[in-house]
Amino acid sequence: MSEELARLVSLVETLRRECPWDREQTPETLRTYVLEECYEVLDAIDSADPDALADELGDLLFQIFFLSRIAEERGWFGIGAVADGIVRKMTDRHPHVFGGASAADAREVREGWERRKQRRSGMADPLGTVPASLPALASAYRMTSRAADLGFDWERDSDVAEKIEEELAEWREAQASHDPEAEEKEIGDLLFSIVNLARRRSVDPESALRRAQARFRSRFARVAELARESGRAVGDVGAEELDVFWERAKAEE
């Protein structure tokens, strides 16, 4: 183990021994912090700031070492077992690197990975290993990716585009029938189809949506600023004028 990682192990041990708050933590109480750190890593990736990424990866690494320390105290496993387990897993799942197999491209690697993962899990449901706690957008992406790697996919991108148009038409029918449950179903199908298109076009839907949200936030902040410049709060401006402000905000980007 490197000197830096050994110091981290020592730090965690000291905190568990001497800090009242750290002594009280359990895997259950750390769930929120682990999730938060994962999202902060995503923010750092989106920012393209290497210093921010290193900082957030450090926070996430701390949570991994902290959870491993708690597990060791309970007699479950230690950080060494975690490292050894992932090394063995990655070696097993990359036979084209560490074994006698071959892979022509990244897609073939991914398809082989999913087949081996399915065999190892022993689950009848091929999508059963997608974590139930994943956010819906990420879960839809992983499900469609896994199904595609197992051979269940659209033949052409245009087929997915037609499916999106079909789902949109079905939503219009549900909306016209004033059936809220049917509307929810059709909007869900529409979102799922859009995720499928994103996957096929090698677009991460989570990143795409996060960037769209960032654009919306920036533009709407400018809309609010333009409203203030006109002597009004944004909520006091009519819809048509807000549209004018919005187009101006877009043009200024």
Protein backbone atom coordinates (compact mmCIF):
# COMPACT_ATOMS: atom_id res chain seq x y z
CA MET A 1 0.00 0.00 0.00
CA SER A 2 1.32 3.47 -0.86
CA GLU A 3 2.28 5.88 1.90
CA GLU A 4 -0.67 8.15 1.10
CA LEU A 5 -3.23 5.33 1.31
CA ALA A 6 -1.64 4.05 4.52
CA ARG A 7 -2.04 7.52 6.02
CA LEU A 8 -5.72 7.49 5.00
CA VAL A 9 -6.20 4.13 6.73
CA SER A 10 -4.55 5.54 9.86
CA LEU A 11 -6.70 8.69 9.69
CA VAL A 12 -9.92 6.67 9.53
CA GLU A 13 -8.83 4.49 12.44
CA THR A 14 -8.06 7.60 14.51
CA LEU A 15 -11.42 9.20 13.70
CA ARG A 16 -13.30 6.05 14.64
CA ARG A 17 -11.42 5.93 17.93
CA GLU A 18 -11.37 9.57 18.98
CA CYS A 19 -14.22 11.47 17.27
CA PRO A 20 -17.65 11.08 18.93
CA TRP A 21 -19.51 11.69 15.66
CA ASP A 22 -17.42 9.27 13.61
CA ARG A 23 -17.75 6.58 16.30
CA GLU A 24 -21.54 6.70 15.97
CA GLN A 25 -21.66 6.16 12.21
CA THR A 26 -22.95 2.96 10.63
CA PRO A 27 -23.30 1.83 7.00
CA GLU A 28 -26.93 2.93 7.17
CA THR A 29 -26.13 6.46 8.40
CA LEU A 30 -23.47 6.86 5.71
CA ARG A 31 -25.79 6.09 2.78
CA THR A 32 -26.72 9.74 2.24
CA TYR A 33 -23.10 10.89 2.40
CA VAL A 34 -21.96 8.28 -0.11
CA LEU A 35 -24.70 9.31 -2.53
CA GLU A 36 -23.91 13.00 -2.04
CA GLU A 37 -20.22 12.44 -2.73
CA CYS A 38 -21.05 10.52 -5.92
CA TYR A 39 -23.10 13.45 -7.21
CA GLU A 40 -20.37 15.91 -6.27
CA VAL A 41 -17.92 13.82 -8.32
CA LEU A 42 -20.34 14.14 -11.25
CA ASP A 43 -20.46 17.91 -10.77
CA ALA A 44 -16.66 18.03 -10.80
CA ILE A 45 -16.53 15.96 -14.00
CA ASP A 46 -19.02 18.34 -15.63
CA SER A 47 -16.94 21.33 -14.54
CA ALA A 48 -13.84 19.96 -16.31
CA ASP A 49 -11.83 21.22 -13.32
CA PRO A 50 -9.05 18.73 -12.46
CA ASP A 51 -8.51 20.22 -8.99
CA ALA A 52 -12.22 19.94 -8.16
CA LEU A 53 -12.29 16.36 -9.45
CA ALA A 54 -9.28 15.37 -7.34
CA ASP A 55 -10.92 16.94 -4.28
CA GLU A 56 -14.27 15.21 -4.79
CA LEU A 57 -12.65 11.86 -5.56
CA GLY A 58 -10.83 12.23 -2.25
CA ASP A 59 -14.13 12.74 -0.44
CA LEU A 60 -15.58 9.65 -2.11
CA LEU A 61 -12.44 7.64 -1.35
CA PHE A 62 -12.77 8.61 2.30
CA GLN A 63 -16.28 7.18 2.39
CA ILE A 64 -15.02 3.89 0.88
CA PHE A 65 -12.24 3.58 3.45
CA PHE A 66 -14.59 4.64 6.26
CA LEU A 67 -17.21 2.02 5.33
CA SER A 68 -14.48 -0.61 5.00
CA ARG A 69 -13.21 0.26 8.48
CA ILE A 70 -16.69 -0.16 9.98
CA ALA A 71 -17.02 -3.49 8.16
CA GLU A 72 -13.66 -4.62 9.55
CA GLU A 73 -14.76 -3.72 13.09
CA ARG A 74 -17.79 -5.95 12.58
CA GLY A 75 -15.65 -8.81 11.34
CA TRP A 76 -16.99 -8.61 7.78
CA PHE A 77 -14.00 -7.54 5.65
CA GLY A 78 -11.29 -4.88 5.43
CA ILE A 79 -10.06 -2.49 2.77
CA GLY A 80 -7.57 -5.14 1.60
CA ALA A 81 -10.39 -7.56 0.83
CA VAL A 82 -12.23 -4.82 -1.06
CA ALA A 83 -9.16 -4.14 -3.21
CA ASP A 84 -8.44 -7.82 -3.75
CA GLY A 85 -12.05 -8.52 -4.70
CA ILE A 86 -12.21 -5.81 -7.35
CA VAL A 87 -8.83 -6.84 -8.82
CA ARG A 88 -10.03 -10.43 -9.18
CA LYS A 89 -13.38 -9.31 -10.60
CA MET A 90 -11.79 -7.00 -13.19
CA THR A 91 -9.26 -9.68 -14.17
CA ASP A 92 -12.04 -12.21 -14.66
CA ARG A 93 -14.14 -9.78 -16.71
CA HIS A 94 -11.27 -8.81 -19.03
CA PRO A 95 -10.17 -12.15 -20.51
CA HIS A 96 -9.11 -10.29 -23.68
CA VAL A 97 -6.46 -8.55 -21.55
CA PHE A 98 -5.54 -11.10 -18.88
CA GLY A 99 -6.55 -14.35 -20.61
CA GLY A 100 -6.54 -15.98 -24.00
CA ALA A 101 -9.69 -14.35 -25.36
CA SER A 102 -9.84 -11.54 -27.91
CA ALA A 103 -12.14 -8.55 -28.50
CA ALA A 104 -12.33 -6.57 -31.72
CA ASP A 105 -13.77 -3.38 -30.27
CA ALA A 106 -15.34 -1.74 -27.22
CA ARG A 107 -18.81 -3.05 -28.06
CA GLU A 108 -17.59 -6.63 -28.11
CA VAL A 109 -15.90 -6.06 -24.75
CA ARG A 110 -19.13 -4.71 -23.27
CA GLU A 111 -21.27 -7.54 -24.65
CA GLY A 112 -18.89 -10.14 -23.26
CA TRP A 113 -18.86 -8.34 -19.91
CA GLU A 114 -22.64 -8.51 -19.65
CA ARG A 115 -22.79 -12.18 -20.60
CA ARG A 116 -20.16 -13.11 -17.99
CA LYS A 117 -21.84 -10.93 -15.38
CA GLN A 118 -25.16 -12.61 -16.05
CA ARG A 119 -23.64 -16.09 -15.70
CA ARG A 120 -21.87 -15.17 -12.44
CA SER A 121 -25.01 -13.66 -10.88
CA GLY A 122 -27.07 -16.81 -11.48
CA MET A 123 -30.21 -14.62 -11.60
CA ALA A 124 -33.11 -15.57 -13.86
CA ASP A 125 -33.85 -11.89 -14.47
CA PRO A 126 -31.15 -10.52 -16.81
CA LEU A 127 -31.81 -7.01 -15.52
CA GLY A 128 -31.92 -8.06 -11.87
CA THR A 129 -28.41 -6.79 -11.13
CA VAL A 130 -29.31 -3.19 -12.04
CA PRO A 131 -29.40 -1.54 -8.58
CA ALA A 132 -32.92 -0.67 -7.47
CA SER A 133 -31.60 2.48 -5.78
CA LEU A 134 -30.35 4.02 -9.04
CA PRO A 135 -32.17 7.21 -10.10
CA ALA A 136 -34.77 6.45 -12.77
CA LEU A 137 -32.81 8.05 -15.63
CA ALA A 138 -29.61 6.15 -14.86
CA SER A 139 -31.58 2.94 -14.31
CA ALA A 140 -33.30 3.24 -17.69
CA TYR A 141 -29.94 3.79 -19.37
CA ARG A 142 -28.37 0.76 -17.66
CA MET A 143 -31.38 -1.46 -18.40
CA THR A 144 -31.47 -0.61 -22.10
CA SER A 145 -27.68 -0.91 -22.36
CA ARG A 146 -27.69 -4.32 -20.71
CA ALA A 147 -30.57 -5.56 -22.86
CA ALA A 148 -28.76 -4.34 -25.98
CA ASP A 149 -25.54 -6.08 -24.95
CA LEU A 150 -27.55 -9.29 -24.61
CA GLY A 151 -28.87 -8.87 -28.16
CA PHE A 152 -32.18 -7.08 -27.55
CA ASP A 153 -32.00 -3.75 -29.36
CA TRP A 154 -33.45 -1.68 -32.18
CA GLU A 155 -31.98 -2.24 -35.64
CA ARG A 156 -31.75 1.46 -36.56
CA ASP A 157 -31.72 4.80 -34.78
CA SER A 158 -34.59 5.86 -37.03
CA ASP A 159 -36.72 3.08 -35.52
CA VAL A 160 -36.22 4.60 -32.08
CA ALA A 161 -37.09 8.05 -33.42
CA GLU A 162 -40.32 6.62 -34.84
CA LYS A 163 -41.04 5.03 -31.45
CA ILE A 164 -40.63 8.44 -29.79
CA GLU A 165 -43.11 9.95 -32.24
CA GLU A 166 -45.49 7.03 -31.57
CA GLU A 167 -45.27 7.55 -27.81
CA LEU A 168 -45.87 11.27 -28.23
CA ALA A 169 -49.00 10.54 -30.28
CA GLU A 170 -50.20 8.11 -27.59
CA TRP A 171 -49.68 10.78 -24.94
CA ARG A 172 -51.85 13.17 -27.00
CA GLU A 173 -54.59 10.55 -27.04
CA ALA A 174 -54.31 10.05 -23.27
CA GLN A 175 -54.33 13.80 -22.71
CA ALA A 176 -57.44 14.18 -24.87
CA SER A 177 -59.18 11.43 -22.88
CA HIS A 178 -58.46 13.26 -19.60
CA ASP A 179 -56.99 10.09 -18.11
CA PRO A 180 -54.19 11.04 -15.66
CA GLU A 181 -52.97 7.46 -15.21
CA ALA A 182 -52.76 6.93 -18.97
CA GLU A 183 -50.91 10.23 -19.32
CA GLU A 184 -48.35 9.18 -16.71
CA LYS A 185 -47.84 5.86 -18.49
CA GLU A 186 -47.35 7.45 -21.90
CA ILE A 187 -45.00 10.14 -20.59
CA GLY A 188 -42.99 7.39 -18.90
CA ASP A 189 -42.83 5.44 -22.17
CA LEU A 190 -41.80 8.63 -23.99
CA LEU A 191 -38.97 9.31 -21.53
CA PHE A 192 -37.82 5.70 -21.73
CA SER A 193 -37.72 5.86 -25.53
CA ILE A 194 -35.69 9.08 -25.42
CA VAL A 195 -33.16 7.39 -23.12
CA ASN A 196 -32.95 4.56 -25.65
CA LEU A 197 -32.18 7.01 -28.44
CA ALA A 198 -29.54 8.73 -26.31
CA ARG A 199 -27.87 5.38 -25.61
CA ARG A 200 -27.79 4.42 -29.28
CA ARG A 201 -26.28 7.79 -30.17
CA SER A 202 -23.58 7.37 -27.47
CA VAL A 203 -25.04 10.22 -25.43
CA ASP A 204 -25.14 9.85 -21.66
CA PRO A 205 -28.71 10.98 -20.87
CA GLU A 206 -27.75 11.99 -17.33
CA SER A 207 -24.99 14.29 -18.57
CA ALA A 208 -27.18 15.61 -21.39
CA LEU A 209 -30.00 16.45 -18.98
CA ARG A 210 -27.63 18.02 -16.45
CA ARG A 211 -26.20 20.25 -19.17
CA ALA A 212 -29.71 21.15 -20.35
CA GLN A 213 -30.61 22.06 -16.76
CA ALA A 214 -27.49 24.22 -16.51
CA ARG A 215 -28.45 26.04 -19.70
CA PHE A 216 -32.00 26.55 -18.46
CA ARG A 217 -30.79 27.87 -15.11
CA SER A 218 -28.38 30.30 -16.75
CA ARG A 219 -30.95 31.55 -19.25
CA PHE A 220 -33.70 31.93 -16.68
CA ALA A 221 -31.34 33.85 -14.40
CA ARG A 222 -30.80 36.24 -17.31
CA VAL A 223 -34.58 36.45 -17.85
CA ALA A 224 -34.99 37.45 -14.20
CA GLU A 225 -32.22 40.02 -14.60
CA LEU A 226 -33.91 41.53 -17.66
CA ALA A 227 -37.16 41.72 -15.72
CA ARG A 228 -35.40 43.58 -12.90
CA GLU A 229 -33.87 45.96 -15.43
CA SER A 230 -37.42 46.74 -16.58
CA GLY A 231 -38.36 47.56 -12.98
CA ARG A 232 -40.38 44.41 -12.30
CA ALA A 233 -40.00 41.02 -10.65
CA VAL A 234 -39.92 38.10 -13.05
CA GLY A 235 -43.28 36.87 -11.72
CA ASP A 236 -44.89 40.18 -12.72
CA VAL A 237 -43.91 39.94 -16.39
CA GLY A 238 -46.40 38.54 -18.90
CA ALA A 239 -45.79 35.31 -20.77
CA GLU A 240 -45.21 36.94 -24.16
CA GLU A 241 -42.62 39.34 -22.77
CA LEU A 242 -40.93 36.51 -20.87
CA ASP A 243 -40.57 34.70 -24.20
CA VAL A 244 -38.87 37.80 -25.61
CA PHE A 245 -36.49 37.90 -22.63
CA TRP A 246 -35.83 34.18 -23.04
CA GLU A 247 -34.90 34.51 -26.72
CA ARG A 248 -32.62 37.41 -25.86
CA ALA A 249 -30.93 35.32 -23.18
CA LYS A 250 -30.36 32.53 -25.69
CA ALA A 251 -28.98 34.94 -28.27
CA GLU A 252 -26.51 36.36 -25.74
CA GLU A 253 -24.93 32.97 -24.99
